[in-house]
PDB file of all heavy atoms in Angstrom:
ATOM      1  N   ARG A   1      37.434 -92.172   5.964  1.00  0.00           N
ATOM      2  CA  ARG A   1      37.373 -91.448   7.227  1.00  0.00           C
ATOM      3  C   ARG A   1      36.130 -91.755   8.041  1.00  0.00           C
ATOM      4  O   ARG A   1      35.885 -91.119   9.052  1.00  0.00           O
ATOM      5  CB  ARG A   1      37.428 -89.945   6.956  1.00  0.00           C
ATOM      6  CG  ARG A   1      38.675 -89.540   6.213  1.00  0.00           C
ATOM      7  CD  ARG A   1      38.756 -88.071   6.033  1.00  0.00           C
ATOM      8  NE  ARG A   1      37.644 -87.579   5.223  1.00  0.00           N
ATOM      9  CZ  ARG A   1      37.566 -86.344   4.779  1.00  0.00           C
ATOM     10  NH1 ARG A   1      38.498 -85.473   5.067  1.00  0.00           N
ATOM     11  NH2 ARG A   1      36.548 -85.960   4.043  1.00  0.00           N
ATOM     12  N   GLY A   2      35.316 -92.680   7.590  1.00  0.00           N
ATOM     13  CA  GLY A   2      34.104 -92.993   8.324  1.00  0.00           C
ATOM     14  C   GLY A   2      32.934 -92.087   8.003  1.00  0.00           C
ATOM     15  O   GLY A   2      31.887 -92.198   8.609  1.00  0.00           O
ATOM     16  N   HIS A   3      33.108 -91.170   7.047  1.00  0.00           N
ATOM     17  CA  HIS A   3      32.013 -90.277   6.644  1.00  0.00           C
ATOM     18  C   HIS A   3      31.195 -90.935   5.550  1.00  0.00           C
ATOM     19  O   HIS A   3      31.692 -91.786   4.821  1.00  0.00           O
ATOM     20  CB  HIS A   3      32.563 -88.954   6.109  1.00  0.00           C
ATOM     21  CG  HIS A   3      33.355 -88.194   7.110  1.00  0.00           C
ATOM     22  ND1 HIS A   3      34.197 -87.177   6.761  1.00  0.00           N
ATOM     23  CD2 HIS A   3      33.450 -88.293   8.469  1.00  0.00           C
ATOM     24  CE1 HIS A   3      34.764 -86.678   7.832  1.00  0.00           C
ATOM     25  NE2 HIS A   3      34.336 -87.346   8.881  1.00  0.00           N
ATOM     26  N   ASP A   4      29.958 -90.501   5.410  1.00  0.00           N
ATOM     27  CA  ASP A   4      29.167 -91.054   4.315  1.00  0.00           C
ATOM     28  C   ASP A   4      29.546 -90.361   3.003  1.00  0.00           C
ATOM     29  O   ASP A   4      30.237 -89.337   2.979  1.00  0.00           O
ATOM     30  CB  ASP A   4      27.675 -91.014   4.600  1.00  0.00           C
ATOM     31  CG  ASP A   4      27.062 -89.628   4.584  1.00  0.00           C
ATOM     32  OD1 ASP A   4      27.715 -88.669   4.148  1.00  0.00           O
ATOM     33  OD2 ASP A   4      25.898 -89.504   4.991  1.00  0.00           O
ATOM     34  N   ALA A   5      29.109 -90.948   1.911  1.00  0.00           N
ATOM     35  CA  ALA A   5      29.499 -90.479   0.580  1.00  0.00           C
ATOM     36  C   ALA A   5      29.077 -89.037   0.318  1.00  0.00           C
ATOM     37  O   ALA A   5      29.822 -88.268  -0.296  1.00  0.00           O
ATOM     38  CB  ALA A   5      28.918 -91.410  -0.481  1.00  0.00           C
ATOM     39  N   ALA A   6      27.906 -88.655   0.786  1.00  0.00           N
ATOM     40  CA  ALA A   6      27.439 -87.276   0.572  1.00  0.00           C
ATOM     41  C   ALA A   6      28.390 -86.288   1.227  1.00  0.00           C
ATOM     42  O   ALA A   6      28.763 -85.273   0.620  1.00  0.00           O
ATOM     43  CB  ALA A   6      26.019 -87.097   1.103  1.00  0.00           C
ATOM     44  N   ASP A   7      28.798 -86.565   2.455  1.00  0.00           N
ATOM     45  CA  ASP A   7      29.740 -85.680   3.139  1.00  0.00           C
ATOM     46  C   ASP A   7      31.060 -85.581   2.383  1.00  0.00           C
ATOM     47  O   ASP A   7      31.636 -84.503   2.258  1.00  0.00           O
ATOM     48  CB  ASP A   7      30.012 -86.163   4.569  1.00  0.00           C
ATOM     49  CG  ASP A   7      28.831 -85.949   5.496  1.00  0.00           C
ATOM     50  OD1 ASP A   7      28.024 -85.030   5.247  1.00  0.00           O
ATOM     51  OD2 ASP A   7      28.724 -86.707   6.482  1.00  0.00           O
ATOM     52  N   GLU A   8      31.548 -86.709   1.881  1.00  0.00           N
ATOM     53  CA  GLU A   8      32.824 -86.707   1.163  1.00  0.00           C
ATOM     54  C   GLU A   8      32.730 -85.883  -0.120  1.00  0.00           C
ATOM     55  O   GLU A   8      33.638 -85.117  -0.441  1.00  0.00           O
ATOM     56  CB  GLU A   8      33.278 -88.132   0.850  1.00  0.00           C
ATOM     57  CG  GLU A   8      33.598 -88.969   2.065  1.00  0.00           C
ATOM     58  CD  GLU A   8      34.796 -88.499   2.882  1.00  0.00           C
ATOM     59  OE1 GLU A   8      35.456 -87.497   2.523  1.00  0.00           O
ATOM     60  OE2 GLU A   8      35.070 -89.139   3.911  1.00  0.00           O
ATOM     61  N   VAL A   9      31.648 -86.030  -0.854  1.00  0.00           N
ATOM     62  CA  VAL A   9      31.474 -85.263  -2.088  1.00  0.00           C
ATOM     63  C   VAL A   9      31.344 -83.775  -1.773  1.00  0.00           C
ATOM     64  O   VAL A   9      31.989 -82.940  -2.420  1.00  0.00           O
ATOM     65  CB  VAL A   9      30.264 -85.776  -2.900  1.00  0.00           C
ATOM     66  CG1 VAL A   9      29.917 -84.831  -4.044  1.00  0.00           C
ATOM     67  CG2 VAL A   9      30.544 -87.180  -3.437  1.00  0.00           C
ATOM     68  N   LEU A  10      30.539 -83.441  -0.792  1.00  0.00           N
ATOM     69  CA  LEU A  10      30.351 -82.041  -0.424  1.00  0.00           C
ATOM     70  C   LEU A  10      31.644 -81.420   0.106  1.00  0.00           C
ATOM     71  O   LEU A  10      31.971 -80.273  -0.221  1.00  0.00           O
ATOM     72  CB  LEU A  10      29.227 -81.903   0.594  1.00  0.00           C
ATOM     73  CG  LEU A  10      27.834 -82.241   0.056  1.00  0.00           C
ATOM     74  CD1 LEU A  10      26.835 -82.396   1.201  1.00  0.00           C
ATOM     75  CD2 LEU A  10      27.364 -81.206  -0.943  1.00  0.00           C
ATOM     76  N   ASP A  11      32.410 -82.162   0.908  1.00  0.00           N
ATOM     77  CA  ASP A  11      33.695 -81.667   1.404  1.00  0.00           C
ATOM     78  C   ASP A  11      34.663 -81.422   0.253  1.00  0.00           C
ATOM     79  O   ASP A  11      35.366 -80.410   0.218  1.00  0.00           O
ATOM     80  CB  ASP A  11      34.314 -82.653   2.397  1.00  0.00           C
ATOM     81  CG  ASP A  11      33.592 -82.703   3.732  1.00  0.00           C
ATOM     82  OD1 ASP A  11      32.720 -81.833   3.992  1.00  0.00           O
ATOM     83  OD2 ASP A  11      33.886 -83.627   4.517  1.00  0.00           O
ATOM     84  N   ALA A  12      34.712 -82.359  -0.694  1.00  0.00           N
ATOM     85  CA  ALA A  12      35.610 -82.204  -1.840  1.00  0.00           C
ATOM     86  C   ALA A  12      35.200 -81.012  -2.691  1.00  0.00           C
ATOM     87  O   ALA A  12      36.050 -80.266  -3.184  1.00  0.00           O
ATOM     88  CB  ALA A  12      35.623 -83.477  -2.685  1.00  0.00           C
ATOM     89  N   ALA A  13      33.902 -80.816  -2.861  1.00  0.00           N
ATOM     90  CA  ALA A  13      33.421 -79.676  -3.651  1.00  0.00           C
ATOM     91  C   ALA A  13      33.872 -78.365  -3.022  1.00  0.00           C
ATOM     92  O   ALA A  13      34.317 -77.453  -3.720  1.00  0.00           O
ATOM     93  CB  ALA A  13      31.903 -79.724  -3.775  1.00  0.00           C
ATOM     94  N   GLU A  14      33.791 -78.298  -1.704  1.00  0.00           N
ATOM     95  CA  GLU A  14      34.205 -77.073  -1.019  1.00  0.00           C
ATOM     96  C   GLU A  14      35.717 -76.884  -1.087  1.00  0.00           C
ATOM     97  O   GLU A  14      36.204 -75.809  -1.421  1.00  0.00           O
ATOM     98  CB  GLU A  14      33.746 -77.122   0.440  1.00  0.00           C
ATOM     99  CG  GLU A  14      34.089 -75.855   1.198  1.00  0.00           C
ATOM    100  CD  GLU A  14      33.609 -75.884   2.637  1.00  0.00           C
ATOM    101  OE1 GLU A  14      32.672 -76.640   2.957  1.00  0.00           O
ATOM    102  OE2 GLU A  14      34.191 -75.128   3.432  1.00  0.00           O
ATOM    103  N   SER A  15      36.470 -77.933  -0.793  1.00  0.00           N
ATOM    104  CA  SER A  15      37.922 -77.784  -0.723  1.00  0.00           C
ATOM    105  C   SER A  15      38.588 -77.635  -2.092  1.00  0.00           C
ATOM    106  O   SER A  15      39.676 -77.088  -2.183  1.00  0.00           O
ATOM    107  CB  SER A  15      38.550 -78.949   0.045  1.00  0.00           C
ATOM    108  OG  SER A  15      38.333 -80.162  -0.613  1.00  0.00           O
ATOM    109  N   HIS A  16      37.933 -78.098  -3.148  1.00  0.00           N
ATOM    110  CA  HIS A  16      38.505 -78.003  -4.498  1.00  0.00           C
ATOM    111  C   HIS A  16      37.837 -76.920  -5.347  1.00  0.00           C
ATOM    112  O   HIS A  16      38.058 -76.869  -6.558  1.00  0.00           O
ATOM    113  CB  HIS A  16      38.431 -79.358  -5.212  1.00  0.00           C
ATOM    114  CG  HIS A  16      39.364 -80.368  -4.627  1.00  0.00           C
ATOM    115  ND1 HIS A  16      40.661 -80.521  -5.049  1.00  0.00           N
ATOM    116  CD2 HIS A  16      39.187 -81.255  -3.620  1.00  0.00           C
ATOM    117  CE1 HIS A  16      41.247 -81.468  -4.351  1.00  0.00           C
ATOM    118  NE2 HIS A  16      40.371 -81.927  -3.472  1.00  0.00           N
ATOM    119  N   GLY A  17      37.009 -76.098  -4.738  1.00  0.00           N
ATOM    120  CA  GLY A  17      36.386 -74.998  -5.461  1.00  0.00           C
ATOM    121  C   GLY A  17      35.556 -75.464  -6.648  1.00  0.00           C
ATOM    122  O   GLY A  17      35.727 -75.001  -7.770  1.00  0.00           O
ATOM    123  N   ALA A  18      34.637 -76.372  -6.397  1.00  0.00           N
ATOM    124  CA  ALA A  18      33.830 -76.950  -7.474  1.00  0.00           C
ATOM    125  C   ALA A  18      32.898 -75.924  -8.100  1.00  0.00           C
ATOM    126  O   ALA A  18      32.229 -75.168  -7.400  1.00  0.00           O
ATOM    127  CB  ALA A  18      33.019 -78.134  -6.955  1.00  0.00           C
ATOM    128  N   GLY A  19      32.867 -75.934  -9.417  1.00  0.00           N
ATOM    129  CA  GLY A  19      31.880 -75.165 -10.156  1.00  0.00           C
ATOM    130  C   GLY A  19      30.708 -76.047 -10.544  1.00  0.00           C
ATOM    131  O   GLY A  19      29.659 -75.566 -10.961  1.00  0.00           O
ATOM    132  N   LEU A  20      30.893 -77.382 -10.377  1.00  0.00           N
ATOM    133  CA  LEU A  20      29.862 -78.359 -10.732  1.00  0.00           C
ATOM    134  C   LEU A  20      30.139 -79.656  -9.994  1.00  0.00           C
ATOM    135  O   LEU A  20      31.291 -80.075  -9.884  1.00  0.00           O
ATOM    136  CB  LEU A  20      29.857 -78.618 -12.241  1.00  0.00           C
ATOM    137  CG  LEU A  20      28.860 -79.656 -12.763  1.00  0.00           C
ATOM    138  CD1 LEU A  20      27.430 -79.135 -12.638  1.00  0.00           C
ATOM    139  CD2 LEU A  20      29.172 -80.011 -14.210  1.00  0.00           C
ATOM    140  N   ILE A  21      29.068 -80.288  -9.516  1.00  0.00           N
ATOM    141  CA  ILE A  21      29.138 -81.642  -8.972  1.00  0.00           C
ATOM    142  C   ILE A  21      28.320 -82.529  -9.895  1.00  0.00           C
ATOM    143  O   ILE A  21      27.211 -82.163 -10.285  1.00  0.00           O
ATOM    144  CB  ILE A  21      28.556 -81.713  -7.542  1.00  0.00           C
ATOM    145  CG1 ILE A  21      29.364 -80.844  -6.581  1.00  0.00           C
ATOM    146  CG2 ILE A  21      28.498 -83.167  -7.055  1.00  0.00           C
ATOM    147  CD1 ILE A  21      28.733 -80.718  -5.197  1.00  0.00           C
ATOM    148  N   VAL A  22      28.851 -83.704 -10.230  1.00  0.00           N
ATOM    149  CA  VAL A  22      28.122 -84.668 -11.055  1.00  0.00           C
ATOM    150  C   VAL A  22      27.909 -85.928 -10.221  1.00  0.00           C
ATOM    151  O   VAL A  22      28.851 -86.442  -9.612  1.00  0.00           O
ATOM    152  CB  VAL A  22      28.896 -85.018 -12.348  1.00  0.00           C
ATOM    153  CG1 VAL A  22      28.091 -85.997 -13.196  1.00  0.00           C
ATOM    154  CG2 VAL A  22      29.225 -83.758 -13.143  1.00  0.00           C
ATOM    155  N   ILE A  23      26.666 -86.397 -10.192  1.00  0.00           N
ATOM    156  CA  ILE A  23      26.328 -87.614  -9.444  1.00  0.00           C
ATOM    157  C   ILE A  23      25.491 -88.527 -10.320  1.00  0.00           C
ATOM    158  O   ILE A  23      24.792 -88.075 -11.220  1.00  0.00           O
ATOM    159  CB  ILE A  23      25.569 -87.303  -8.139  1.00  0.00           C
ATOM    160  CG1 ILE A  23      24.290 -86.512  -8.428  1.00  0.00           C
ATOM    161  CG2 ILE A  23      26.468 -86.573  -7.150  1.00  0.00           C
ATOM    162  CD1 ILE A  23      23.397 -86.304  -7.208  1.00  0.00           C
ATOM    163  N   GLY A  24      25.565 -89.795 -10.048  1.00  0.00           N
ATOM    164  CA  GLY A  24      24.726 -90.772 -10.731  1.00  0.00           C
ATOM    165  C   GLY A  24      23.501 -91.076  -9.891  1.00  0.00           C
ATOM    166  O   GLY A  24      23.573 -91.099  -8.662  1.00  0.00           O
ATOM    167  N   LEU A  25      22.385 -91.280 -10.553  1.00  0.00           N
ATOM    168  CA  LEU A  25      21.138 -91.623  -9.860  1.00  0.00           C
ATOM    169  C   LEU A  25      20.739 -93.043 -10.192  1.00  0.00           C
ATOM    170  O   LEU A  25      20.805 -93.456 -11.352  1.00  0.00           O
ATOM    171  CB  LEU A  25      20.004 -90.695 -10.295  1.00  0.00           C
ATOM    172  CG  LEU A  25      20.087 -89.244  -9.906  1.00  0.00           C
ATOM    173  CD1 LEU A  25      18.861 -88.495 -10.423  1.00  0.00           C
ATOM    174  CD2 LEU A  25      20.194 -89.081  -8.402  1.00  0.00           C
ATOM    175  N   ARG A  26      20.306 -93.757  -9.197  1.00  0.00           N
ATOM    176  CA  ARG A  26      19.761 -95.094  -9.449  1.00  0.00           C
ATOM    177  C   ARG A  26      18.261 -95.046  -9.275  1.00  0.00           C
ATOM    178  O   ARG A  26      17.725 -94.187  -8.579  1.00  0.00           O
ATOM    179  CB  ARG A  26      20.387 -96.138  -8.547  1.00  0.00           C
ATOM    180  CG  ARG A  26      20.153 -95.923  -7.099  1.00  0.00           C
ATOM    181  CD  ARG A  26      20.973 -96.929  -6.298  1.00  0.00           C
ATOM    182  NE  ARG A  26      20.879 -96.567  -4.898  1.00  0.00           N
ATOM    183  CZ  ARG A  26      20.493 -97.390  -3.958  1.00  0.00           C
ATOM    184  NH1 ARG A  26      20.175 -98.631  -4.254  1.00  0.00           N
ATOM    185  NH2 ARG A  26      20.422 -96.992  -2.717  1.00  0.00           N
ATOM    186  N   ARG A  27      17.609 -95.949  -9.907  1.00  0.00           N
ATOM    187  CA  ARG A  27      16.158 -96.000  -9.822  1.00  0.00           C
ATOM    188  C   ARG A  27      15.763 -96.641  -8.494  1.00  0.00           C
ATOM    189  O   ARG A  27      16.267 -97.688  -8.123  1.00  0.00           O
ATOM    190  CB  ARG A  27      15.601 -96.811 -10.978  1.00  0.00           C
ATOM    191  CG  ARG A  27      15.972 -96.202 -12.321  1.00  0.00           C
ATOM    192  CD  ARG A  27      15.394 -96.963 -13.481  1.00  0.00           C
ATOM    193  NE  ARG A  27      16.022 -96.701 -14.745  1.00  0.00           N
ATOM    194  CZ  ARG A  27      16.143 -95.537 -15.361  1.00  0.00           C
ATOM    195  NH1 ARG A  27      15.694 -94.458 -14.798  1.00  0.00           N
ATOM    196  NH2 ARG A  27      16.725 -95.432 -16.531  1.00  0.00           N
ATOM    197  N   ARG A  28      14.871 -95.957  -7.768  1.00  0.00           N
ATOM    198  CA  ARG A  28      14.392 -96.457  -6.478  1.00  0.00           C
ATOM    199  C   ARG A  28      12.895 -96.245  -6.395  1.00  0.00           C
ATOM    200  O   ARG A  28      12.361 -95.313  -6.980  1.00  0.00           O
ATOM    201  CB  ARG A  28      15.072 -95.705  -5.339  1.00  0.00           C
ATOM    202  CG  ARG A  28      16.563 -95.947  -5.303  1.00  0.00           C
ATOM    203  CD  ARG A  28      17.232 -95.127  -4.274  1.00  0.00           C
ATOM    204  NE  ARG A  28      16.840 -95.576  -2.939  1.00  0.00           N
ATOM    205  CZ  ARG A  28      17.418 -95.151  -1.841  1.00  0.00           C
ATOM    206  NH1 ARG A  28      18.379 -94.282  -1.910  1.00  0.00           N
ATOM    207  NH2 ARG A  28      17.020 -95.583  -0.672  1.00  0.00           N
ATOM    208  N   THR A  29      12.256 -97.085  -5.630  1.00  0.00           N
ATOM    209  CA  THR A  29      10.821 -96.923  -5.410  1.00  0.00           C
ATOM    210  C   THR A  29      10.610 -95.762  -4.441  1.00  0.00           C
ATOM    211  O   THR A  29      11.503 -95.425  -3.655  1.00  0.00           O
ATOM    212  CB  THR A  29      10.211 -98.196  -4.796  1.00  0.00           C
ATOM    213  OG1 THR A  29      10.758 -98.367  -3.486  1.00  0.00           O
ATOM    214  CG2 THR A  29      10.480 -99.419  -5.665  1.00  0.00           C
ATOM    215  N   PRO A  30       9.428 -95.168  -4.445  1.00  0.00           N
ATOM    216  CA  PRO A  30       9.159 -94.101  -3.474  1.00  0.00           C
ATOM    217  C   PRO A  30       9.342 -94.562  -2.025  1.00  0.00           C
ATOM    218  O   PRO A  30       9.861 -93.832  -1.203  1.00  0.00           O
ATOM    219  CB  PRO A  30       7.714 -93.722  -3.769  1.00  0.00           C
ATOM    220  CG  PRO A  30       7.523 -94.052  -5.214  1.00  0.00           C
ATOM    221  CD  PRO A  30       8.353 -95.303  -5.428  1.00  0.00           C
ATOM    222  N   VAL A  31       8.936 -95.786  -1.730  1.00  0.00           N
ATOM    223  CA  VAL A  31       9.102 -96.302  -0.367  1.00  0.00           C
ATOM    224  C   VAL A  31      10.579 -96.474  -0.052  1.00  0.00           C
ATOM    225  O   VAL A  31      11.041 -96.145   1.044  1.00  0.00           O
ATOM    226  CB  VAL A  31       8.340 -97.640  -0.185  1.00  0.00           C
ATOM    227  CG1 VAL A  31       8.656 -98.268   1.160  1.00  0.00           C
ATOM    228  CG2 VAL A  31       6.854 -97.418  -0.338  1.00  0.00           C
ATOM    229  N   GLY A  32      11.355 -96.944  -1.013  1.00  0.00           N
ATOM    230  CA  GLY A  32      12.793 -97.089  -0.820  1.00  0.00           C
ATOM    231  C   GLY A  32      13.455 -95.760  -0.518  1.00  0.00           C
ATOM    232  O   GLY A  32      14.335 -95.662   0.334  1.00  0.00           O
ATOM    233  N   LYS A  33      13.027 -94.708  -1.173  1.00  0.00           N
ATOM    234  CA  LYS A  33      13.560 -93.367  -0.912  1.00  0.00           C
ATOM    235  C   LYS A  33      13.200 -92.899   0.487  1.00  0.00           C
ATOM    236  O   LYS A  33      14.008 -92.286   1.182  1.00  0.00           O
ATOM    237  CB  LYS A  33      13.018 -92.374  -1.944  1.00  0.00           C
ATOM    238  CG  LYS A  33      13.556 -92.605  -3.330  1.00  0.00           C
ATOM    239  CD  LYS A  33      12.905 -91.645  -4.295  1.00  0.00           C
ATOM    240  CE  LYS A  33      13.190 -92.067  -5.716  1.00  0.00           C
ATOM    241  NZ  LYS A  33      12.435 -91.275  -6.672  1.00  0.00           N
ATOM    242  N   LEU A  34      11.972 -93.175   0.911  1.00  0.00           N
ATOM    243  CA  LEU A  34      11.501 -92.739   2.220  1.00  0.00           C
ATOM    244  C   LEU A  34      12.255 -93.443   3.348  1.00  0.00           C
ATOM    245  O   LEU A  34      12.722 -92.812   4.287  1.00  0.00           O
ATOM    246  CB  LEU A  34       9.998 -93.009   2.345  1.00  0.00           C
ATOM    247  CG  LEU A  34       9.366 -92.679   3.691  1.00  0.00           C
ATOM    248  CD1 LEU A  34       9.397 -91.172   3.929  1.00  0.00           C
ATOM    249  CD2 LEU A  34       7.944 -93.195   3.730  1.00  0.00           C
ATOM    250  N   ILE A  35      12.403 -94.744   3.229  1.00  0.00           N
ATOM    251  CA  ILE A  35      13.015 -95.530   4.301  1.00  0.00           C
ATOM    252  C   ILE A  35      14.531 -95.368   4.333  1.00  0.00           C
ATOM    253  O   ILE A  35      15.128 -95.202   5.390  1.00  0.00           O
ATOM    254  CB  ILE A  35      12.647 -97.026   4.148  1.00  0.00           C
ATOM    255  CG1 ILE A  35      11.147 -97.193   4.354  1.00  0.00           C
ATOM    256  CG2 ILE A  35      13.431 -97.890   5.113  1.00  0.00           C
ATOM    257  CD1 ILE A  35      10.633 -98.574   4.048  1.00  0.00           C
ATOM    258  N   MET A  36      15.165 -95.412   3.193  1.00  0.00           N
ATOM    259  CA  MET A  36      16.615 -95.445   3.135  1.00  0.00           C
ATOM    260  C   MET A  36      17.265 -94.066   3.085  1.00  0.00           C
ATOM    261  O   MET A  36      18.460 -93.952   3.274  1.00  0.00           O
ATOM    262  CB  MET A  36      17.063 -96.254   1.908  1.00  0.00           C
ATOM    263  CG  MET A  36      16.610 -97.693   1.914  1.00  0.00           C
ATOM    264  SD  MET A  36      17.257 -98.612   3.301  1.00  0.00           S
ATOM    265  CE  MET A  36      18.939 -98.799   2.769  1.00  0.00           C
ATOM    266  N   GLY A  37      16.537 -93.020   2.784  1.00  0.00           N
ATOM    267  CA  GLY A  37      17.177 -91.730   2.586  1.00  0.00           C
ATOM    268  C   GLY A  37      17.866 -91.729   1.231  1.00  0.00           C
ATOM    269  O   GLY A  37      17.736 -92.659   0.458  1.00  0.00           O
ATOM    270  N   SER A  38      18.605 -90.697   0.951  1.00  0.00           N
ATOM    271  CA  SER A  38      19.229 -90.632  -0.359  1.00  0.00           C
ATOM    272  C   SER A  38      20.485 -89.780  -0.305  1.00  0.00           C
ATOM    273  O   SER A  38      20.428 -88.599   0.046  1.00  0.00           O
ATOM    274  CB  SER A  38      18.249 -90.052  -1.376  1.00  0.00           C
ATOM    275  OG  SER A  38      18.897 -89.798  -2.595  1.00  0.00           O
ATOM    276  N   THR A  39      21.599 -90.387  -0.662  1.00  0.00           N
ATOM    277  CA  THR A  39      22.857 -89.649  -0.779  1.00  0.00           C
ATOM    278  C   THR A  39      22.704 -88.551  -1.817  1.00  0.00           C
ATOM    279  O   THR A  39      23.107 -87.405  -1.591  1.00  0.00           O
ATOM    280  CB  THR A  39      24.000 -90.610  -1.169  1.00  0.00           C
ATOM    281  OG1 THR A  39      24.137 -91.592  -0.137  1.00  0.00           O
ATOM    282  CG2 THR A  39      25.301 -89.866  -1.350  1.00  0.00           C
ATOM    283  N   ALA A  40      22.117 -88.897  -2.944  1.00  0.00           N
ATOM    284  CA  ALA A  40      21.925 -87.914  -4.014  1.00  0.00           C
ATOM    285  C   ALA A  40      21.078 -86.745  -3.532  1.00  0.00           C
ATOM    286  O   ALA A  40      21.381 -85.588  -3.821  1.00  0.00           O
ATOM    287  CB  ALA A  40      21.274 -88.582  -5.223  1.00  0.00           C
ATOM    288  N   GLN A  41      20.030 -87.028  -2.778  1.00  0.00           N
ATOM    289  CA  GLN A  41      19.158 -85.966  -2.283  1.00  0.00           C
ATOM    290  C   GLN A  41      19.919 -85.015  -1.371  1.00  0.00           C
ATOM    291  O   GLN A  41      19.789 -83.801  -1.465  1.00  0.00           O
ATOM    292  CB  GLN A  41      17.965 -86.562  -1.548  1.00  0.00           C
ATOM    293  CG  GLN A  41      16.996 -85.507  -1.047  1.00  0.00           C
ATOM    294  CD  GLN A  41      15.799 -86.124  -0.348  1.00  0.00           C
ATOM    295  OE1 GLN A  41      15.763 -87.306  -0.051  1.00  0.00           O
ATOM    296  NE2 GLN A  41      14.814 -85.306  -0.073  1.00  0.00           N
ATOM    297  N   ARG A  42      20.749 -85.553  -0.495  1.00  0.00           N
ATOM    298  CA  ARG A  42      21.548 -84.697   0.393  1.00  0.00           C
ATOM    299  C   ARG A  42      22.483 -83.807  -0.406  1.00  0.00           C
ATOM    300  O   ARG A  42      22.631 -82.617  -0.112  1.00  0.00           O
ATOM    301  CB  ARG A  42      22.364 -85.549   1.365  1.00  0.00           C
ATOM    302  CG  ARG A  42      21.531 -86.037   2.514  1.00  0.00           C
ATOM    303  CD  ARG A  42      22.331 -86.456   3.739  1.00  0.00           C
ATOM    304  NE  ARG A  42      23.345 -85.492   4.089  1.00  0.00           N
ATOM    305  CZ  ARG A  42      24.599 -85.834   4.410  1.00  0.00           C
ATOM    306  NH1 ARG A  42      24.982 -87.090   4.404  1.00  0.00           N
ATOM    307  NH2 ARG A  42      25.470 -84.912   4.747  1.00  0.00           N
ATOM    308  N   ILE A  43      23.131 -84.372  -1.421  1.00  0.00           N
ATOM    309  CA  ILE A  43      24.043 -83.570  -2.233  1.00  0.00           C
ATOM    310  C   ILE A  43      23.267 -82.489  -2.970  1.00  0.00           C
ATOM    311  O   ILE A  43      23.672 -81.320  -2.989  1.00  0.00           O
ATOM    312  CB  ILE A  43      24.831 -84.465  -3.211  1.00  0.00           C
ATOM    313  CG1 ILE A  43      25.778 -85.386  -2.429  1.00  0.00           C
ATOM    314  CG2 ILE A  43      25.600 -83.614  -4.223  1.00  0.00           C
ATOM    315  CD1 ILE A  43      26.409 -86.485  -3.257  1.00  0.00           C
ATOM    316  N   LEU A  44      22.141 -82.849  -3.570  1.00  0.00           N
ATOM    317  CA  LEU A  44      21.328 -81.868  -4.288  1.00  0.00           C
ATOM    318  C   LEU A  44      20.882 -80.717  -3.389  1.00  0.00           C
ATOM    319  O   LEU A  44      20.875 -79.561  -3.800  1.00  0.00           O
ATOM    320  CB  LEU A  44      20.096 -82.549  -4.898  1.00  0.00           C
ATOM    321  CG  LEU A  44      20.354 -83.423  -6.114  1.00  0.00           C
ATOM    322  CD1 LEU A  44      19.152 -84.323  -6.377  1.00  0.00           C
ATOM    323  CD2 LEU A  44      20.661 -82.574  -7.327  1.00  0.00           C
TER     324      LEU A  44
END
């Protein structure tokens, strides 16, 4: 639908009555987190 992954996960959690969301984390440098943002951070 053109949405980013965080939006899709959050929408699914709401529409399916999630009691838990599970996400995978990749290792990133602090600068990489600052510049690129983080899907995981938005979900958290």
